[in-house]
Structures are given as structure tokens and as C-alpha cells.
Amino acid sequence: ESMEGKRGLPRVKPPFPAQKGFRGKPTNVN
């Protein structure tokens, strides 16, 4: 969320970042 320029607040999951992450695309965070 912070990377997208929004307030850094957790999203409700699902969907998980692997399905819909940064800019709505599959994303892996490590």
C-alpha cells in the first residue's frame, strides 16, 4: 500500500499478494 502511494495499512486477505499484490499484479515479498 505504501509503495502505491497510499497510507501504509494492512489489506484484508484474501486475495494474497501472490494473486493480487503491487499494482494488482502477482507479487512475491521476501
All heavy atoms as atom14 arrays in JSON, in Angstrom:
{
  "sequence": "ESMEGKRGLPRVKPPFPAQKGFRGKPTNVN",
  "atom14_mask": [
    [1, 1, 1, 1, 1, 1, 1, 1, 1, 0, 0, 0, 0, 0],
    [1, 1, 1, 1, 1, 1, 0, 0, 0, 0, 0, 0, 0, 0],
    [1, 1, 1, 1, 1, 1, 1, 1, 0, 0, 0, 0, 0, 0],
    [1, 1, 1, 1, 1, 1, 1, 1, 1, 0, 0, 0, 0, 0],
    [1, 1, 1, 1, 0, 0, 0, 0, 0, 0, 0, 0, 0, 0],
    [1, 1, 1, 1, 1, 1, 1, 1, 1, 0, 0, 0, 0, 0],
    [1, 1, 1, 1, 1, 1, 1, 1, 1, 1, 1, 0, 0, 0],
    [1, 1, 1, 1, 0, 0, 0, 0, 0, 0, 0, 0, 0, 0],
    [1, 1, 1, 1, 1, 1, 1, 1, 0, 0, 0, 0, 0, 0],
    [1, 1, 1, 1, 1, 1, 1, 0, 0, 0, 0, 0, 0, 0],
    [1, 1, 1, 1, 1, 1, 1, 1, 1, 1, 1, 0, 0, 0],
    [1, 1, 1, 1, 1, 1, 1, 0, 0, 0, 0, 0, 0, 0],
    [1, 1, 1, 1, 1, 1, 1, 1, 1, 0, 0, 0, 0, 0],
    [1, 1, 1, 1, 1, 1, 1, 0, 0, 0, 0, 0, 0, 0],
    [1, 1, 1, 1, 1, 1, 1, 0, 0, 0, 0, 0, 0, 0],
    [1, 1, 1, 1, 1, 1, 1, 1, 1, 1, 1, 0, 0, 0],
    [1, 1, 1, 1, 1, 1, 1, 0, 0, 0, 0, 0, 0, 0],
    [1, 1, 1, 1, 1, 0, 0, 0, 0, 0, 0, 0, 0, 0],
    [1, 1, 1, 1, 1, 1, 1, 1, 1, 0, 0, 0, 0, 0],
    [1, 1, 1, 1, 1, 1, 1, 1, 1, 0, 0, 0, 0, 0],
    [1, 1, 1, 1, 0, 0, 0, 0, 0, 0, 0, 0, 0, 0],
    [1, 1, 1, 1, 1, 1, 1, 1, 1, 1, 1, 0, 0, 0],
    [1, 1, 1, 1, 1, 1, 1, 1, 1, 1, 1, 0, 0, 0],
    [1, 1, 1, 1, 0, 0, 0, 0, 0, 0, 0, 0, 0, 0],
    [1, 1, 1, 1, 1, 1, 1, 1, 1, 0, 0, 0, 0, 0],
    [1, 1, 1, 1, 1, 1, 1, 0, 0, 0, 0, 0, 0, 0],
    [1, 1, 1, 1, 1, 1, 1, 0, 0, 0, 0, 0, 0, 0],
    [1, 1, 1, 1, 1, 1, 1, 1, 0, 0, 0, 0, 0, 0],
    [1, 1, 1, 1, 1, 1, 1, 0, 0, 0, 0, 0, 0, 0],
    [1, 1, 1, 1, 1, 1, 1, 1, 0, 0, 0, 0, 0, 0]
  ],
  "atom14_positions": [
    [[0.83, -1.21, 0.0], [0.0, 0.0, 0.0], [0.86, 1.26, 0.0], [0.62, 2.21, -0.75], [-0.91, 0.01, 1.24], [-2.03, -1.0, 1.2], [-3.17, -0.56, 0.29], [-3.87, 0.41, 0.62], [-3.36, -1.21, -0.76], [0.0, 0.0, 0.0], [0.0, 0.0, 0.0], [0.0, 0.0, 0.0], [0.0, 0.0, 0.0], [0.0, 0.0, 0.0]],
    [[1.92, 1.25, 0.82], [2.85, 2.39, 0.88], [3.55, 2.6, -0.46], [3.7, 3.74, -0.92], [3.88, 2.15, 1.99], [4.86, 3.16, 1.99], [0.0, 0.0, 0.0], [0.0, 0.0, 0.0], [0.0, 0.0, 0.0], [0.0, 0.0, 0.0], [0.0, 0.0, 0.0], [0.0, 0.0, 0.0], [0.0, 0.0, 0.0], [0.0, 0.0, 0.0]],
    [[3.96, 1.51, -1.1], [4.63, 1.61, -2.4], [3.71, 2.21, -3.46], [4.17, 2.85, -4.41], [5.11, 0.23, -2.86], [6.36, -0.25, -2.13], [6.9, -1.89, -2.68], [7.21, -1.61, -4.42], [0.0, 0.0, 0.0], [0.0, 0.0, 0.0], [0.0, 0.0, 0.0], [0.0, 0.0, 0.0], [0.0, 0.0, 0.0], [0.0, 0.0, 0.0]],
    [[2.41, 2.0, -3.3], [1.44, 2.53, -4.26], [1.04, 3.98, -3.95], [0.17, 4.54, -4.61], [0.2, 1.64, -4.29], [0.47, 0.27, -4.89], [-0.74, -0.66, -4.88], [-1.72, -0.35, -4.17], [-0.72, -1.68, -5.59], [0.0, 0.0, 0.0], [0.0, 0.0, 0.0], [0.0, 0.0, 0.0], [0.0, 0.0, 0.0], [0.0, 0.0, 0.0]],
    [[1.67, 4.57, -2.91], [1.38, 5.95, -2.57], [0.2, 6.14, -1.64], [-0.29, 7.26, -1.47], [0.0, 0.0, 0.0], [0.0, 0.0, 0.0], [0.0, 0.0, 0.0], [0.0, 0.0, 0.0], [0.0, 0.0, 0.0], [0.0, 0.0, 0.0], [0.0, 0.0, 0.0], [0.0, 0.0, 0.0], [0.0, 0.0, 0.0], [0.0, 0.0, 0.0]],
    [[-0.25, 5.05, -1.02], [-1.39, 5.13, -0.1], [-0.9, 5.08, 1.34], [0.29, 4.9, 1.6], [-2.36, 3.96, -0.37], [-2.83, 3.87, -1.81], [-3.53, 2.54, -2.03], [-3.78, 2.3, -3.51], [-4.25, 0.93, -3.78], [0.0, 0.0, 0.0], [0.0, 0.0, 0.0], [0.0, 0.0, 0.0], [0.0, 0.0, 0.0], [0.0, 0.0, 0.0]],
    [[-1.81, 5.21, 2.29], [-1.44, 5.04, 3.7], [-1.0, 3.6, 3.92], [-1.62, 2.66, 3.4], [-2.63, 5.35, 4.62], [-2.98, 6.82, 4.69], [-4.08, 7.06, 5.7], [-3.62, 6.78, 7.05], [-4.42, 6.71, 8.12], [-5.72, 6.87, 7.98], [-3.92, 6.47, 9.31], [0.0, 0.0, 0.0], [0.0, 0.0, 0.0], [0.0, 0.0, 0.0]],
    [[0.05, 3.42, 4.69], [0.58, 2.08, 4.94], [-0.24, 1.29, 5.93], [0.13, 1.15, 7.1], [0.0, 0.0, 0.0], [0.0, 0.0, 0.0], [0.0, 0.0, 0.0], [0.0, 0.0, 0.0], [0.0, 0.0, 0.0], [0.0, 0.0, 0.0], [0.0, 0.0, 0.0], [0.0, 0.0, 0.0], [0.0, 0.0, 0.0], [0.0, 0.0, 0.0]],
    [[-1.37, 0.79, 5.48], [-2.25, -0.01, 6.33], [-2.43, -1.39, 5.72], [-2.54, -1.52, 4.49], [-3.62, 0.67, 6.47], [-3.63, 2.03, 7.17], [-5.02, 2.65, 7.11], [-3.17, 1.89, 8.63], [0.0, 0.0, 0.0], [0.0, 0.0, 0.0], [0.0, 0.0, 0.0], [0.0, 0.0, 0.0], [0.0, 0.0, 0.0], [0.0, 0.0, 0.0]],
    [[-2.47, -2.45, 6.54], [-2.62, -3.81, 6.0], [-3.93, -3.98, 5.23], [-4.96, -3.41, 5.58], [-2.61, -4.68, 7.26], [-1.9, -3.87, 8.29], [-2.28, -2.45, 8.0], [0.0, 0.0, 0.0], [0.0, 0.0, 0.0], [0.0, 0.0, 0.0], [0.0, 0.0, 0.0], [0.0, 0.0, 0.0], [0.0, 0.0, 0.0], [0.0, 0.0, 0.0]],
    [[-3.85, -4.78, 4.18], [-5.03, -5.12, 3.4], [-5.74, -6.33, 4.03], [-5.12, -7.13, 4.74], [-4.64, -5.5, 1.97], [-4.05, -4.37, 1.16], [-3.62, -4.87, -0.22], [-3.08, -3.8, -1.05], [-2.57, -3.99, -2.26], [-2.52, -5.2, -2.78], [-2.08, -2.96, -2.94], [0.0, 0.0, 0.0], [0.0, 0.0, 0.0], [0.0, 0.0, 0.0]],
    [[-7.0, -6.46, 3.72], [-7.74, -7.67, 4.1], [-7.33, -8.79, 3.15], [-7.28, -8.6, 1.93], [-9.26, -7.42, 4.03], [-10.02, -8.71, 4.32], [-9.67, -6.33, 4.99], [0.0, 0.0, 0.0], [0.0, 0.0, 0.0], [0.0, 0.0, 0.0], [0.0, 0.0, 0.0], [0.0, 0.0, 0.0], [0.0, 0.0, 0.0], [0.0, 0.0, 0.0]],
    [[-7.01, -9.95, 3.7], [-6.62, -11.11, 2.88], [-7.62, -12.24, 3.09], [-8.05, -12.45, 4.21], [-5.21, -11.58, 3.26], [-4.13, -10.55, 2.96], [-2.73, -11.06, 3.24], [-2.4, -11.04, 4.71], [-0.97, -11.29, 4.98], [0.0, 0.0, 0.0], [0.0, 0.0, 0.0], [0.0, 0.0, 0.0], [0.0, 0.0, 0.0], [0.0, 0.0, 0.0]],
    [[-7.96, -13.03, 2.03], [-7.51, -12.92, 0.64], [-8.15, -11.72, -0.07], [-9.1, -11.16, 0.47], [-7.96, -14.26, 0.03], [-9.14, -14.67, 0.85], [-8.88, -14.14, 2.24], [0.0, 0.0, 0.0], [0.0, 0.0, 0.0], [0.0, 0.0, 0.0], [0.0, 0.0, 0.0], [0.0, 0.0, 0.0], [0.0, 0.0, 0.0], [0.0, 0.0, 0.0]],
    [[-7.64, -11.34, -1.28], [-6.57, -12.01, -2.02], [-5.2, -11.74, -1.4], [-4.97, -10.68, -0.83], [-6.67, -11.4, -3.42], [-7.22, -10.02, -3.17], [-8.18, -10.18, -2.02], [0.0, 0.0, 0.0], [0.0, 0.0, 0.0], [0.0, 0.0, 0.0], [0.0, 0.0, 0.0], [0.0, 0.0, 0.0], [0.0, 0.0, 0.0], [0.0, 0.0, 0.0]],
    [[-4.31, -12.72, -1.52], [-2.95, -12.58, -1.04], [-2.1, -11.89, -2.11], [-2.47, -11.88, -3.3], [-2.38, -13.96, -0.71], [-3.04, -14.6, 0.48], [-4.15, -15.42, 0.32], [-2.55, -14.38, 1.75], [-4.77, -16.0, 1.41], [-3.16, -14.95, 2.86], [-4.27, -15.77, 2.7], [0.0, 0.0, 0.0], [0.0, 0.0, 0.0], [0.0, 0.0, 0.0]],
    [[-0.95, -11.32, -1.72], [-0.09, -10.66, -2.72], [0.29, -11.54, -3.9], [0.46, -11.05, -5.01], [1.14, -10.26, -1.9], [0.62, -10.07, -0.51], [-0.44, -11.13, -0.35], [0.0, 0.0, 0.0], [0.0, 0.0, 0.0], [0.0, 0.0, 0.0], [0.0, 0.0, 0.0], [0.0, 0.0, 0.0], [0.0, 0.0, 0.0], [0.0, 0.0, 0.0]],
    [[0.41, -12.86, -3.66], [0.77, -13.77, -4.76], [-0.28, -13.75, -5.87], [0.03, -14.02, -7.03], [0.95, -15.19, -4.24], [0.0, 0.0, 0.0], [0.0, 0.0, 0.0], [0.0, 0.0, 0.0], [0.0, 0.0, 0.0], [0.0, 0.0, 0.0], [0.0, 0.0, 0.0], [0.0, 0.0, 0.0], [0.0, 0.0, 0.0], [0.0, 0.0, 0.0]],
    [[-1.53, -13.44, -5.51], [-2.59, -13.35, -6.52], [-2.8, -11.9, -6.98], [-2.93, -11.63, -8.17], [-3.91, -13.89, -5.96], [-3.98, -15.39, -5.8], [-3.31, -15.87, -4.52], [-3.54, -15.31, -3.45], [-2.49, -16.91, -4.63], [0.0, 0.0, 0.0], [0.0, 0.0, 0.0], [0.0, 0.0, 0.0], [0.0, 0.0, 0.0], [0.0, 0.0, 0.0]],
    [[-2.84, -10.98, -6.03], [-3.12, -9.58, -6.34], [-2.33, -8.71, -5.38], [-2.78, -8.43, -4.28], [-4.63, -9.3, -6.23], [-5.04, -7.94, -6.77], [-6.56, -7.77, -6.69], [-6.97, -6.4, -7.22], [-8.44, -6.2, -7.1], [0.0, 0.0, 0.0], [0.0, 0.0, 0.0], [0.0, 0.0, 0.0], [0.0, 0.0, 0.0], [0.0, 0.0, 0.0]],
    [[-1.14, -8.31, -5.82], [-0.26, -7.55, -4.95], [-0.02, -6.14, -5.44], [-0.96, -5.36, -5.6], [0.0, 0.0, 0.0], [0.0, 0.0, 0.0], [0.0, 0.0, 0.0], [0.0, 0.0, 0.0], [0.0, 0.0, 0.0], [0.0, 0.0, 0.0], [0.0, 0.0, 0.0], [0.0, 0.0, 0.0], [0.0, 0.0, 0.0], [0.0, 0.0, 0.0]],
    [[1.24, -5.8, -5.72], [1.6, -4.46, -6.16], [0.96, -4.16, -7.51], [1.06, -4.95, -8.46], [3.13, -4.37, -6.27], [3.66, -3.01, -6.63], [3.31, -1.88, -5.9], [4.53, -2.85, -7.7], [3.8, -0.62, -6.22], [5.03, -1.59, -8.04], [4.67, -0.48, -7.29], [0.0, 0.0, 0.0], [0.0, 0.0, 0.0], [0.0, 0.0, 0.0]],
    [[0.24, -3.05, -7.58], [-0.48, -2.63, -8.8], [-1.45, -3.7, -9.29], [-1.73, -3.8, -10.49], [0.5, -2.25, -9.9], [1.36, -1.03, -9.55], [2.45, -0.78, -10.57], [3.22, 0.41, -10.23], [4.45, 0.66, -10.71], [5.03, -0.21, -11.53], [5.09, 1.75, -10.37], [0.0, 0.0, 0.0], [0.0, 0.0, 0.0], [0.0, 0.0, 0.0]],
    [[-1.94, -4.51, -8.37], [-2.93, -5.53, -8.72], [-2.36, -6.75, -9.4], [-3.12, -7.6, -9.88], [0.0, 0.0, 0.0], [0.0, 0.0, 0.0], [0.0, 0.0, 0.0], [0.0, 0.0, 0.0], [0.0, 0.0, 0.0], [0.0, 0.0, 0.0], [0.0, 0.0, 0.0], [0.0, 0.0, 0.0], [0.0, 0.0, 0.0], [0.0, 0.0, 0.0]],
    [[-1.02, -6.87, -9.44], [-0.37, -7.99, -10.14], [0.22, -8.98, -9.14], [0.5, -8.63, -7.99], [0.75, -7.46, -11.05], [0.28, -6.47, -12.11], [-0.63, -7.12, -13.14], [-0.99, -6.15, -14.25], [-1.86, -6.79, -15.28], [0.0, 0.0, 0.0], [0.0, 0.0, 0.0], [0.0, 0.0, 0.0], [0.0, 0.0, 0.0], [0.0, 0.0, 0.0]],
    [[0.43, -10.24, -9.56], [1.06, -11.23, -8.67], [2.41, -10.72, -8.16], [3.26, -10.28, -8.94], [1.23, -12.46, -9.57], [0.17, -12.31, -10.6], [0.07, -10.84, -10.86], [0.0, 0.0, 0.0], [0.0, 0.0, 0.0], [0.0, 0.0, 0.0], [0.0, 0.0, 0.0], [0.0, 0.0, 0.0], [0.0, 0.0, 0.0], [0.0, 0.0, 0.0]],
    [[2.59, -10.78, -6.85], [3.76, -10.19, -6.2], [4.29, -11.1, -5.12], [3.52, -11.66, -4.33], [3.4, -8.82, -5.58], [2.87, -7.96, -6.6], [4.6, -8.16, -4.94], [0.0, 0.0, 0.0], [0.0, 0.0, 0.0], [0.0, 0.0, 0.0], [0.0, 0.0, 0.0], [0.0, 0.0, 0.0], [0.0, 0.0, 0.0], [0.0, 0.0, 0.0]],
    [[5.61, -11.26, -5.07], [6.24, -12.03, -4.01], [7.06, -11.09, -3.14], [7.89, -10.32, -3.63], [7.16, -13.11, -4.59], [7.75, -13.99, -3.51], [7.13, -14.94, -3.05], [8.97, -13.66, -3.07], [0.0, 0.0, 0.0], [0.0, 0.0, 0.0], [0.0, 0.0, 0.0], [0.0, 0.0, 0.0], [0.0, 0.0, 0.0], [0.0, 0.0, 0.0]],
    [[6.81, -11.13, -1.84], [7.54, -10.28, -0.88], [8.36, -11.17, 0.03], [7.83, -12.07, 0.67], [6.58, -9.42, -0.04], [7.38, -8.48, 0.87], [5.63, -8.62, -0.92], [0.0, 0.0, 0.0], [0.0, 0.0, 0.0], [0.0, 0.0, 0.0], [0.0, 0.0, 0.0], [0.0, 0.0, 0.0], [0.0, 0.0, 0.0], [0.0, 0.0, 0.0]],
    [[9.67, -10.92, 0.07], [10.56, -11.65, 0.97], [11.46, -10.68, 1.72], [11.79, -9.59, 1.24], [11.46, -12.64, 0.23], [10.77, -13.94, -0.12], [10.81, -14.38, -1.27], [10.15, -14.59, 0.85], [0.0, 0.0, 0.0], [0.0, 0.0, 0.0], [0.0, 0.0, 0.0], [0.0, 0.0, 0.0], [0.0, 0.0, 0.0], [0.0, 0.0, 0.0]]
  ]
}
